[in-house]
């Protein structure tokens, strides 16, 4: 199960330069999910705040995850893989100074960039009801702090607006344009409600754009190639991994509880041997020999 690709992965900045290609970012929430995403061939990934909150705290994406937990999780995820990791930084967990520090911390760990949104804090998942946003003039200083804090242009700043739900699509598009003008590398208008709205965003904002594909979310679930045709350059599938992992674990554990065995569920489990190989056990066994 080991991925022996020794080629240095392209930076996210380099991947964004190819306007004829869409970058598909799977959402990862821990070092294991990140390793799996890299192993199956993804060239970049997204550390999801929703998934991190669920995996680390067993709590919803409701403003409960904090800055330290996000950075700590990023450290483990980034160490586990060689490809770029874009980190969900929520609202930056405070004022422009907090955003400045967060960017410094994440960039020093090797993160490829952040998503920074304009919700009020505590925020909630972009597809949940009851969202609100801060004033544009309050967000732009946070965005500028992020841009000034980064040491390298390779660190990508994605400006996300959640304005669609509380104040409408026109305002969301207007914010997207302003954030681009203020220097954001990529624009993310969260939760358009139809293919027409996705199209409108792509037609009216001149910037690399993110589309967020949450299964059963408020945005229609399109394929990466459909999104590329509409004019998007990044497709994030943030919850596919955590939803499928939850489904499989629940199924296996239910069977164990009901029958006292996992015999019937073996088809959705990896084997002891495969898993050890995936964790590079041989490499660590060799290391141990070297030091013994």
C-alpha atoms as a PDB file:
ATOM      1  CA  UNK A   1       0.000   0.000   0.000  1.00  0.00           C
ATOM      2  CA  UNK A   2       2.987   2.330   0.004  1.00  0.00           C
ATOM      3  CA  UNK A   3       3.166   5.167  -2.498  1.00  0.00           C
ATOM      4  CA  UNK A   4       6.729   5.217  -3.809  1.00  0.00           C
ATOM      5  CA  UNK A   5       6.480   8.393  -5.830  1.00  0.00           C
ATOM      6  CA  UNK A   6       9.735  10.224  -5.074  1.00  0.00           C
ATOM      7  CA  UNK A   7       9.091  13.197  -7.340  1.00  0.00           C
ATOM      8  CA  UNK A   8       8.904  16.480  -5.386  1.00  0.00           C
ATOM      9  CA  UNK A   9       5.230  17.503  -5.380  1.00  0.00           C
ATOM     10  CA  UNK A  10       4.357  20.761  -7.139  1.00  0.00           C
ATOM     11  CA  UNK A  11       3.512  23.665  -4.832  1.00  0.00           C
ATOM     12  CA  UNK A  12      -0.086  24.810  -4.755  1.00  0.00           C
ATOM     13  CA  UNK A  13       0.992  28.063  -6.423  1.00  0.00           C
ATOM     14  CA  UNK A  14       2.457  26.051  -9.333  1.00  0.00           C
ATOM     15  CA  UNK A  15      -0.670  23.890  -9.553  1.00  0.00           C
ATOM     16  CA  UNK A  16      -2.846  27.027  -9.705  1.00  0.00           C
ATOM     17  CA  UNK A  17      -0.914  28.347 -12.689  1.00  0.00           C
ATOM     18  CA  UNK A  18      -2.474  25.744 -14.974  1.00  0.00           C
ATOM     19  CA  UNK A  19      -5.828  27.387 -15.708  1.00  0.00           C
ATOM     20  CA  UNK A  20      -7.007  24.369 -17.763  1.00  0.00           C
ATOM     21  CA  UNK A  21      -6.889  22.069 -14.779  1.00  0.00           C
ATOM     22  CA  UNK A  22      -8.940  21.881 -11.599  1.00  0.00           C
ATOM     23  CA  UNK A  23      -7.284  21.028  -8.294  1.00  0.00           C
ATOM     24  CA  UNK A  24      -9.387  18.523  -6.352  1.00  0.00           C
ATOM     25  CA  UNK A  25      -8.789  18.833  -2.616  1.00  0.00           C
ATOM     26  CA  UNK A  26     -10.062  16.026  -0.391  1.00  0.00           C
ATOM     27  CA  UNK A  27     -10.792  17.041   3.185  1.00  0.00           C
ATOM     28  CA  UNK A  28      -8.493  15.391   5.739  1.00  0.00           C
ATOM     29  CA  UNK A  29      -8.880  15.554   9.504  1.00  0.00           C
ATOM     30  CA  UNK A  30      -5.891  13.655  10.933  1.00  0.00           C
ATOM     31  CA  UNK A  31      -2.532  12.174   9.904  1.00  0.00           C
ATOM     32  CA  UNK A  32      -4.093   8.863   8.839  1.00  0.00           C
ATOM     33  CA  UNK A  33      -6.712  10.379   6.522  1.00  0.00           C
ATOM     34  CA  UNK A  34      -3.963  12.608   5.069  1.00  0.00           C
ATOM     35  CA  UNK A  35      -1.740   9.579   4.357  1.00  0.00           C
ATOM     36  CA  UNK A  36      -4.633   7.812   2.652  1.00  0.00           C
ATOM     37  CA  UNK A  37      -5.376  10.861   0.468  1.00  0.00           C
ATOM     38  CA  UNK A  38      -1.731  11.089  -0.564  1.00  0.00           C
ATOM     39  CA  UNK A  39      -1.525   7.348  -1.165  1.00  0.00           C
ATOM     40  CA  UNK A  40      -4.432   7.294  -3.618  1.00  0.00           C
ATOM     41  CA  UNK A  41      -2.725  10.042  -5.618  1.00  0.00           C
ATOM     42  CA  UNK A  42      -4.049  13.460  -4.573  1.00  0.00           C
ATOM     43  CA  UNK A  43      -1.510  16.201  -5.281  1.00  0.00           C
ATOM     44  CA  UNK A  44      -2.795  18.498  -2.510  1.00  0.00           C
ATOM     45  CA  UNK A  45      -5.314  18.320   0.336  1.00  0.00           C
ATOM     46  CA  UNK A  46      -7.431  20.427   2.660  1.00  0.00           C
ATOM     47  CA  UNK A  47      -7.406  20.263   6.456  1.00  0.00           C
ATOM     48  CA  UNK A  48     -11.106  20.600   7.255  1.00  0.00           C
ATOM     49  CA  UNK A  49     -12.251  22.531  10.320  1.00  0.00           C
ATOM     50  CA  UNK A  50     -15.551  20.612  10.373  1.00  0.00           C
ATOM     51  CA  UNK A  51     -13.711  17.269  10.269  1.00  0.00           C
ATOM     52  CA  UNK A  52     -11.081  18.391  12.769  1.00  0.00           C
ATOM     53  CA  UNK A  53     -13.757  19.505  15.218  1.00  0.00           C
ATOM     54  CA  UNK A  54     -15.489  16.135  14.863  1.00  0.00           C
ATOM     55  CA  UNK A  55     -12.304  14.034  15.083  1.00  0.00           C
ATOM     56  CA  UNK A  56     -10.534  15.985  17.845  1.00  0.00           C
ATOM     57  CA  UNK A  57     -13.482  17.072  19.983  1.00  0.00           C
ATOM     58  CA  UNK A  58     -16.457  14.944  18.935  1.00  0.00           C
ATOM     59  CA  UNK A  59     -18.254  18.270  18.457  1.00  0.00           C
ATOM     60  CA  UNK A  60     -19.957  20.042  15.529  1.00  0.00           C
ATOM     61  CA  UNK A  61     -18.401  22.764  13.370  1.00  0.00           C
ATOM     62  CA  UNK A  62     -19.892  25.488  15.541  1.00  0.00           C
ATOM     63  CA  UNK A  63     -16.983  27.682  16.584  1.00  0.00           C
ATOM     64  CA  UNK A  64     -15.776  25.230  19.228  1.00  0.00           C
ATOM     65  CA  UNK A  65     -12.377  24.419  17.696  1.00  0.00           C
ATOM     66  CA  UNK A  66      -9.646  26.874  18.676  1.00  0.00           C
ATOM     67  CA  UNK A  67      -6.486  28.210  17.096  1.00  0.00           C
ATOM     68  CA  UNK A  68      -4.110  25.986  19.083  1.00  0.00           C
ATOM     69  CA  UNK A  69      -6.028  22.843  18.141  1.00  0.00           C
ATOM     70  CA  UNK A  70      -6.009  23.827  14.476  1.00  0.00           C
ATOM     71  CA  UNK A  71      -2.240  24.446  14.470  1.00  0.00           C
ATOM     72  CA  UNK A  72      -1.550  21.253  16.429  1.00  0.00           C
ATOM     73  CA  UNK A  73      -3.596  19.181  13.983  1.00  0.00           C
ATOM     74  CA  UNK A  74      -1.883  20.880  11.030  1.00  0.00           C
ATOM     75  CA  UNK A  75       1.527  19.963  12.434  1.00  0.00           C
ATOM     76  CA  UNK A  76       0.614  16.268  12.524  1.00  0.00           C
ATOM     77  CA  UNK A  77      -1.050  16.265   9.101  1.00  0.00           C
ATOM     78  CA  UNK A  78       1.770  18.177   7.361  1.00  0.00           C
ATOM     79  CA  UNK A  79       4.403  15.864   8.857  1.00  0.00           C
ATOM     80  CA  UNK A  80       2.559  12.798   7.597  1.00  0.00           C
ATOM     81  CA  UNK A  81       2.575  13.770   3.892  1.00  0.00           C
ATOM     82  CA  UNK A  82       4.735  15.350   1.200  1.00  0.00           C
ATOM     83  CA  UNK A  83       2.021  17.144  -0.783  1.00  0.00           C
ATOM     84  CA  UNK A  84       0.700  20.664  -0.073  1.00  0.00           C
ATOM     85  CA  UNK A  85      -1.840  21.018   2.757  1.00  0.00           C
ATOM     86  CA  UNK A  86      -4.246  23.964   2.708  1.00  0.00           C
ATOM     87  CA  UNK A  87      -5.541  24.674   6.223  1.00  0.00           C
ATOM     88  CA  UNK A  88      -9.032  25.810   7.179  1.00  0.00           C
ATOM     89  CA  UNK A  89      -8.256  28.737   9.494  1.00  0.00           C
ATOM     90  CA  UNK A  90     -11.925  29.600  10.109  1.00  0.00           C
ATOM     91  CA  UNK A  91     -12.076  33.345  10.917  1.00  0.00           C
ATOM     92  CA  UNK A  92      -8.479  33.489  12.164  1.00  0.00           C
ATOM     93  CA  UNK A  93      -9.735  33.118  15.772  1.00  0.00           C
ATOM     94  CA  UNK A  94      -9.705  36.787  16.680  1.00  0.00           C
ATOM     95  CA  UNK A  95      -8.457  40.119  15.357  1.00  0.00           C
ATOM     96  CA  UNK A  96      -5.843  40.901  12.658  1.00  0.00           C
ATOM     97  CA  UNK A  97      -3.017  40.235  15.146  1.00  0.00           C
ATOM     98  CA  UNK A  98      -4.343  36.732  15.823  1.00  0.00           C
ATOM     99  CA  UNK A  99      -4.545  36.153  12.064  1.00  0.00           C
ATOM    100  CA  UNK A 100      -0.956  37.417  11.650  1.00  0.00           C
ATOM    101  CA  UNK A 101       0.289  35.000  14.282  1.00  0.00           C
ATOM    102  CA  UNK A 102      -1.712  32.088  12.887  1.00  0.00           C
ATOM    103  CA  UNK A 103      -0.214  32.589   9.411  1.00  0.00           C
ATOM    104  CA  UNK A 104       3.300  32.757  10.870  1.00  0.00           C
ATOM    105  CA  UNK A 105       2.714  29.544  12.845  1.00  0.00           C
ATOM    106  CA  UNK A 106       1.170  27.596   9.968  1.00  0.00           C
ATOM    107  CA  UNK A 107       3.696  28.720   7.371  1.00  0.00           C
ATOM    108  CA  UNK A 108       6.589  27.773   9.671  1.00  0.00           C
ATOM    109  CA  UNK A 109       5.103  24.268   9.948  1.00  0.00           C
ATOM    110  CA  UNK A 110       5.044  23.943   6.167  1.00  0.00           C
ATOM    111  CA  UNK A 111       1.363  24.623   5.413  1.00  0.00           C
ATOM    112  CA  UNK A 112       0.617  25.553   1.793  1.00  0.00           C
ATOM    113  CA  UNK A 113      -1.894  28.238   2.740  1.00  0.00           C
ATOM    114  CA  UNK A 114      -5.147  29.021   4.536  1.00  0.00           C
ATOM    115  CA  UNK A 115      -8.846  29.598   4.018  1.00  0.00           C
ATOM    116  CA  UNK A 116      -9.846  32.750   5.935  1.00  0.00           C
ATOM    117  CA  UNK A 117     -13.548  33.604   6.207  1.00  0.00           C
ATOM    118  CA  UNK A 118     -15.656  36.644   7.027  1.00  0.00           C
ATOM    119  CA  UNK A 119     -18.147  35.070   9.450  1.00  0.00           C
ATOM    120  CA  UNK A 120     -18.648  36.499  12.903  1.00  0.00           C
ATOM    121  CA  UNK A 121     -16.966  34.426  15.628  1.00  0.00           C
ATOM    122  CA  UNK A 122     -18.004  31.904  16.855  1.00  0.00           C
ATOM    123  CA  UNK A 123     -18.593  30.721  13.296  1.00  0.00           C
ATOM    124  CA  UNK A 124     -20.461  27.667  12.026  1.00  0.00           C
ATOM    125  CA  UNK A 125     -20.236  25.310   9.052  1.00  0.00           C
ATOM    126  CA  UNK A 126     -20.938  27.261   5.862  1.00  0.00           C
ATOM    127  CA  UNK A 127     -23.908  25.017   5.020  1.00  0.00           C
ATOM    128  CA  UNK A 128     -25.651  25.383   8.403  1.00  0.00           C
ATOM    129  CA  UNK A 129     -28.482  27.830   9.084  1.00  0.00           C
ATOM    130  CA  UNK A 130     -28.104  31.027  11.133  1.00  0.00           C
ATOM    131  CA  UNK A 131     -24.800  32.365   9.789  1.00  0.00           C
ATOM    132  CA  UNK A 132     -23.799  36.016   9.930  1.00  0.00           C
ATOM    133  CA  UNK A 133     -20.823  37.953   8.575  1.00  0.00           C
ATOM    134  CA  UNK A 134     -18.673  40.806   9.844  1.00  0.00           C
ATOM    135  CA  UNK A 135     -18.514  44.099   7.932  1.00  0.00           C
ATOM    136  CA  UNK A 136     -16.314  44.081   4.837  1.00  0.00           C
ATOM    137  CA  UNK A 137     -14.197  46.838   6.391  1.00  0.00           C
ATOM    138  CA  UNK A 138     -13.585  44.625   9.399  1.00  0.00           C
ATOM    139  CA  UNK A 139     -12.561  41.613   7.293  1.00  0.00           C
ATOM    140  CA  UNK A 140     -10.132  43.361   4.938  1.00  0.00           C
ATOM    141  CA  UNK A 141      -7.651  44.282   7.753  1.00  0.00           C
ATOM    142  CA  UNK A 142      -7.610  40.574   8.732  1.00  0.00           C
ATOM    143  CA  UNK A 143      -6.934  39.616   5.118  1.00  0.00           C
ATOM    144  CA  UNK A 144      -4.148  42.226   4.912  1.00  0.00           C
ATOM    145  CA  UNK A 145      -2.604  40.904   8.130  1.00  0.00           C
ATOM    146  CA  UNK A 146      -2.546  37.410   6.596  1.00  0.00           C
ATOM    147  CA  UNK A 147      -0.968  38.691   3.377  1.00  0.00           C
ATOM    148  CA  UNK A 148       1.688  40.668   5.254  1.00  0.00           C
ATOM    149  CA  UNK A 149       2.480  37.866   7.699  1.00  0.00           C
ATOM    150  CA  UNK A 150       3.418  35.318   5.055  1.00  0.00           C
ATOM    151  CA  UNK A 151       7.115  34.995   4.272  1.00  0.00           C
ATOM    152  CA  UNK A 152       6.644  33.499   0.815  1.00  0.00           C
ATOM    153  CA  UNK A 153       4.202  34.066  -2.036  1.00  0.00           C
ATOM    154  CA  UNK A 154       3.934  30.257  -2.239  1.00  0.00           C
ATOM    155  CA  UNK A 155       1.740  30.446   0.870  1.00  0.00           C
ATOM    156  CA  UNK A 156      -1.751  30.820  -0.633  1.00  0.00           C
ATOM    157  CA  UNK A 157      -4.417  33.004   0.978  1.00  0.00           C
ATOM    158  CA  UNK A 158      -7.961  31.972   0.080  1.00  0.00           C
ATOM    159  CA  UNK A 159     -10.522  34.634   1.051  1.00  0.00           C
ATOM    160  CA  UNK A 160     -13.888  33.073   1.826  1.00  0.00           C
ATOM    161  CA  UNK A 161     -17.157  34.954   2.111  1.00  0.00           C
ATOM    162  CA  UNK A 162     -20.247  33.545   3.782  1.00  0.00           C
ATOM    163  CA  UNK A 163     -22.376  36.535   2.772  1.00  0.00           C
ATOM    164  CA  UNK A 164     -24.662  34.567   0.402  1.00  0.00           C
ATOM    165  CA  UNK A 165     -26.965  33.264   3.155  1.00  0.00           C
ATOM    166  CA  UNK A 166     -27.359  36.363   5.384  1.00  0.00           C
ATOM    167  CA  UNK A 167     -27.214  39.161   2.771  1.00  0.00           C
ATOM    168  CA  UNK A 168     -27.531  37.646  -0.681  1.00  0.00           C
ATOM    169  CA  UNK A 169     -25.527  36.582  -3.708  1.00  0.00           C
ATOM    170  CA  UNK A 170     -24.909  40.089  -5.112  1.00  0.00           C
ATOM    171  CA  UNK A 171     -23.232  41.154  -1.861  1.00  0.00           C
ATOM    172  CA  UNK A 172     -21.228  37.896  -1.742  1.00  0.00           C
ATOM    173  CA  UNK A 173     -19.938  38.558  -5.272  1.00  0.00           C
ATOM    174  CA  UNK A 174     -19.160  42.179  -4.387  1.00  0.00           C
ATOM    175  CA  UNK A 175     -17.180  40.983  -1.350  1.00  0.00           C
ATOM    176  CA  UNK A 176     -15.346  38.413  -3.469  1.00  0.00           C
ATOM    177  CA  UNK A 177     -14.246  41.172  -5.840  1.00  0.00           C
ATOM    178  CA  UNK A 178     -13.144  43.430  -2.965  1.00  0.00           C
ATOM    179  CA  UNK A 179     -11.151  40.632  -1.336  1.00  0.00           C
ATOM    180  CA  UNK A 180      -9.416  39.904  -4.636  1.00  0.00           C
ATOM    181  CA  UNK A 181      -8.595  43.601  -5.021  1.00  0.00           C
ATOM    182  CA  UNK A 182      -7.167  43.602  -1.476  1.00  0.00           C
ATOM    183  CA  UNK A 183      -4.718  40.875  -2.528  1.00  0.00           C
ATOM    184  CA  UNK A 184      -6.310  37.447  -1.904  1.00  0.00           C
ATOM    185  CA  UNK A 185      -4.858  34.744  -4.187  1.00  0.00           C
ATOM    186  CA  UNK A 186      -8.089  32.773  -4.479  1.00  0.00           C
ATOM    187  CA  UNK A 187     -11.749  33.652  -3.837  1.00  0.00           C
ATOM    188  CA  UNK A 188     -14.292  31.333  -2.247  1.00  0.00           C
ATOM    189  CA  UNK A 189     -17.964  32.303  -2.258  1.00  0.00           C
ATOM    190  CA  UNK A 190     -19.450  29.766   0.148  1.00  0.00           C
ATOM    191  CA  UNK A 191     -22.764  27.968  -0.397  1.00  0.00           C
ATOM    192  CA  UNK A 192     -24.275  29.130  -3.715  1.00  0.00           C
ATOM    193  CA  UNK A 193     -27.695  27.451  -3.982  1.00  0.00           C
ATOM    194  CA  UNK A 194     -27.873  26.419  -7.646  1.00  0.00           C
ATOM    195  CA  UNK A 195     -25.834  25.768 -10.776  1.00  0.00           C
ATOM    196  CA  UNK A 196     -27.004  29.212 -11.966  1.00  0.00           C
ATOM    197  CA  UNK A 197     -25.527  30.820  -8.845  1.00  0.00           C
ATOM    198  CA  UNK A 198     -22.257  28.914  -9.269  1.00  0.00           C
ATOM    199  CA  UNK A 199     -22.146  30.193 -12.868  1.00  0.00           C
ATOM    200  CA  UNK A 200     -22.888  33.774 -11.834  1.00  0.00           C
ATOM    201  CA  UNK A 201     -20.048  33.740  -9.289  1.00  0.00           C
ATOM    202  CA  UNK A 202     -17.629  32.422 -11.936  1.00  0.00           C
ATOM    203  CA  UNK A 203     -18.769  34.965 -14.522  1.00  0.00           C
ATOM    204  CA  UNK A 204     -18.576  37.969 -12.213  1.00  0.00           C
ATOM    205  CA  UNK A 205     -15.387  37.412 -10.205  1.00  0.00           C
ATOM    206  CA  UNK A 206     -12.095  37.518 -12.078  1.00  0.00           C
ATOM    207  CA  UNK A 207      -9.912  35.325  -9.858  1.00  0.00           C
ATOM    208  CA  UNK A 208      -9.080  31.672  -9.256  1.00  0.00           C
ATOM    209  CA  UNK A 209     -12.210  30.330  -7.530  1.00  0.00           C
ATOM    210  CA  UNK A 210     -13.080  27.610  -5.014  1.00  0.00           C
ATOM    211  CA  UNK A 211     -16.242  25.504  -5.112  1.00  0.00           C
ATOM    212  CA  UNK A 212     -17.168  23.593  -1.963  1.00  0.00           C
ATOM    213  CA  UNK A 213     -18.798  20.199  -2.545  1.00  0.00           C
ATOM    214  CA  UNK A 214     -20.469  18.975   0.643  1.00  0.00           C
ATOM    215  CA  UNK A 215     -22.588  15.864   0.171  1.00  0.00           C
ATOM    216  CA  UNK A 216     -26.182  16.881   1.040  1.00  0.00           C
ATOM    217  CA  UNK A 217     -25.096  20.507   1.508  1.00  0.00           C
ATOM    218  CA  UNK A 218     -26.948  23.490   0.012  1.00  0.00           C
ATOM    219  CA  UNK A 219     -24.788  23.661  -3.153  1.00  0.00           C
ATOM    220  CA  UNK A 220     -25.497  21.176  -5.981  1.00  0.00           C
ATOM    221  CA  UNK A 221     -22.892  18.412  -5.953  1.00  0.00           C
ATOM    222  CA  UNK A 222     -21.079  18.649  -9.284  1.00  0.00           C
ATOM    223  CA  UNK A 223     -18.071  16.720 -10.531  1.00  0.00           C
ATOM    224  CA  UNK A 224     -14.641  18.314 -10.771  1.00  0.00           C
ATOM    225  CA  UNK A 225     -14.843  18.451 -14.579  1.00  0.00           C
ATOM    226  CA  UNK A 226     -18.271  20.135 -14.448  1.00  0.00           C
ATOM    227  CA  UNK A 227     -16.869  22.750 -12.054  1.00  0.00           C
ATOM    228  CA  UNK A 228     -13.853  23.346 -14.297  1.00  0.00           C
ATOM    229  CA  UNK A 229     -16.224  23.995 -17.219  1.00  0.00           C
ATOM    230  CA  UNK A 230     -18.096  26.552 -15.092  1.00  0.00           C
ATOM    231  CA  UNK A 231     -14.822  28.368 -14.372  1.00  0.00           C
ATOM    232  CA  UNK A 232     -13.609  27.008 -11.016  1.00  0.00           C
ATOM    233  CA  UNK A 233      -9.991  26.130 -10.284  1.00  0.00           C
ATOM    234  CA  UNK A 234     -10.288  24.372  -6.933  1.00  0.00           C
ATOM    235  CA  UNK A 235     -12.934  21.823  -5.944  1.00  0.00           C
ATOM    236  CA  UNK A 236     -12.962  20.977  -2.245  1.00  0.00           C
ATOM    237  CA  UNK A 237     -14.674  17.786  -1.081  1.00  0.00           C
ATOM    238  CA  UNK A 238     -14.142  18.464   2.642  1.00  0.00           C
ATOM    239  CA  UNK A 239     -16.339  15.812   4.270  1.00  0.00           C
ATOM    240  CA  UNK A 240     -16.265  12.800   1.924  1.00  0.00           C
ATOM    241  CA  UNK A 241     -13.530  11.058   3.945  1.00  0.00           C
ATOM    242  CA  UNK A 242     -14.967  11.678   7.401  1.00  0.00           C
ATOM    243  CA  UNK A 243     -18.505  10.726   6.335  1.00  0.00           C
ATOM    244  CA  UNK A 244     -17.318   7.458   4.768  1.00  0.00           C
ATOM    245  CA  UNK A 245     -15.012   6.632   7.710  1.00  0.00           C
ATOM    246  CA  UNK A 246     -17.898   7.250  10.131  1.00  0.00           C
ATOM    247  CA  UNK A 247     -20.199   5.023   8.079  1.00  0.00           C
ATOM    248  CA  UNK A 248     -17.705   2.138   7.948  1.00  0.00           C
ATOM    249  CA  UNK A 249     -16.771   2.350  11.647  1.00  0.00           C
ATOM    250  CA  UNK A 250     -20.409   2.481  12.702  1.00  0.00           C
ATOM    251  CA  UNK A 251     -21.224  -0.533  10.534  1.00  0.00           C
ATOM    252  CA  UNK A 252     -18.354  -2.683  11.841  1.00  0.00           C
ATOM    253  CA  UNK A 253     -18.874  -1.726  15.494  1.00  0.00           C
ATOM    254  CA  UNK A 254     -22.636  -2.320  15.238  1.00  0.00           C
ATOM    255  CA  UNK A 255     -21.951  -5.805  13.944  1.00  0.00           C
ATOM    256  CA  UNK A 256     -19.459  -6.443  16.740  1.00  0.00           C
ATOM    257  CA  UNK A 257     -21.959  -5.244  19.346  1.00  0.00           C
ATOM    258  CA  UNK A 258     -24.817  -7.314  17.920  1.00  0.00           C
ATOM    259  CA  UNK A 259     -22.971 -10.541  17.108  1.00  0.00           C
ATOM    260  CA  UNK A 260     -19.764 -10.546  19.134  1.00  0.00           C
ATOM    261  CA  UNK A 261     -17.699 -10.935  15.928  1.00  0.00           C
ATOM    262  CA  UNK A 262     -16.567  -8.889  12.908  1.00  0.00           C
ATOM    263  CA  UNK A 263     -16.522 -11.826  10.433  1.00  0.00           C
ATOM    264  CA  UNK A 264     -19.220 -10.369   8.171  1.00  0.00           C
ATOM    265  CA  UNK A 265     -17.611  -6.924   8.050  1.00  0.00           C
ATOM    266  CA  UNK A 266     -14.169  -8.033   6.914  1.00  0.00           C
ATOM    267  CA  UNK A 267     -14.877  -6.912   3.341  1.00  0.00           C
ATOM    268  CA  UNK A 268     -14.850  -3.261   4.455  1.00  0.00           C
ATOM    269  CA  UNK A 269     -11.692  -3.605   6.562  1.00  0.00           C
ATOM    270  CA  UNK A 270      -8.019  -3.541   5.552  1.00  0.00           C
ATOM    271  CA  UNK A 271      -5.884  -6.421   6.810  1.00  0.00           C
ATOM    272  CA  UNK A 272      -3.343  -6.376   9.648  1.00  0.00           C
ATOM    273  CA  UNK A 273      -0.544  -6.945   7.120  1.00  0.00           C
ATOM    274  CA  UNK A 274      -1.678  -4.252   4.679  1.00  0.00           C
ATOM    275  CA  UNK A 275      -2.158  -1.709   7.426  1.00  0.00           C
ATOM    276  CA  UNK A 276       1.332  -2.351   8.860  1.00  0.00           C
ATOM    277  CA  UNK A 277       2.771  -1.923   5.371  1.00  0.00           C
ATOM    278  CA  UNK A 278       0.825   1.310   4.935  1.00  0.00           C
ATOM    279  CA  UNK A 279       2.271   2.609   8.226  1.00  0.00           C
ATOM    280  CA  UNK A 280       5.826   1.855   6.931  1.00  0.00           C
ATOM    281  CA  UNK A 281       6.419  -0.659   9.701  1.00  0.00           C
ATOM    282  CA  UNK A 282       9.410  -2.171   7.828  1.00  0.00           C
ATOM    283  CA  UNK A 283      11.116   1.216   7.712  1.00  0.00           C
ATOM    284  CA  UNK A 284      10.806   1.618  11.484  1.00  0.00           C
ATOM    285  CA  UNK A 285      11.888  -1.984  12.099  1.00  0.00           C
ATOM    286  CA  UNK A 286      15.025  -1.295   9.995  1.00  0.00           C
ATOM    287  CA  UNK A 287      15.668   1.924  11.911  1.00  0.00           C
ATOM    288  CA  UNK A 288      15.384   0.028  15.181  1.00  0.00           C
ATOM    289  CA  UNK A 289      17.938  -2.544  13.953  1.00  0.00           C
ATOM    290  CA  UNK A 290      20.319   0.245  13.003  1.00  0.00           C
ATOM    291  CA  UNK A 291      20.199   1.669  16.499  1.00  0.00           C
ATOM    292  CA  UNK A 292      20.301  -1.620  18.376  1.00  0.00           C
END
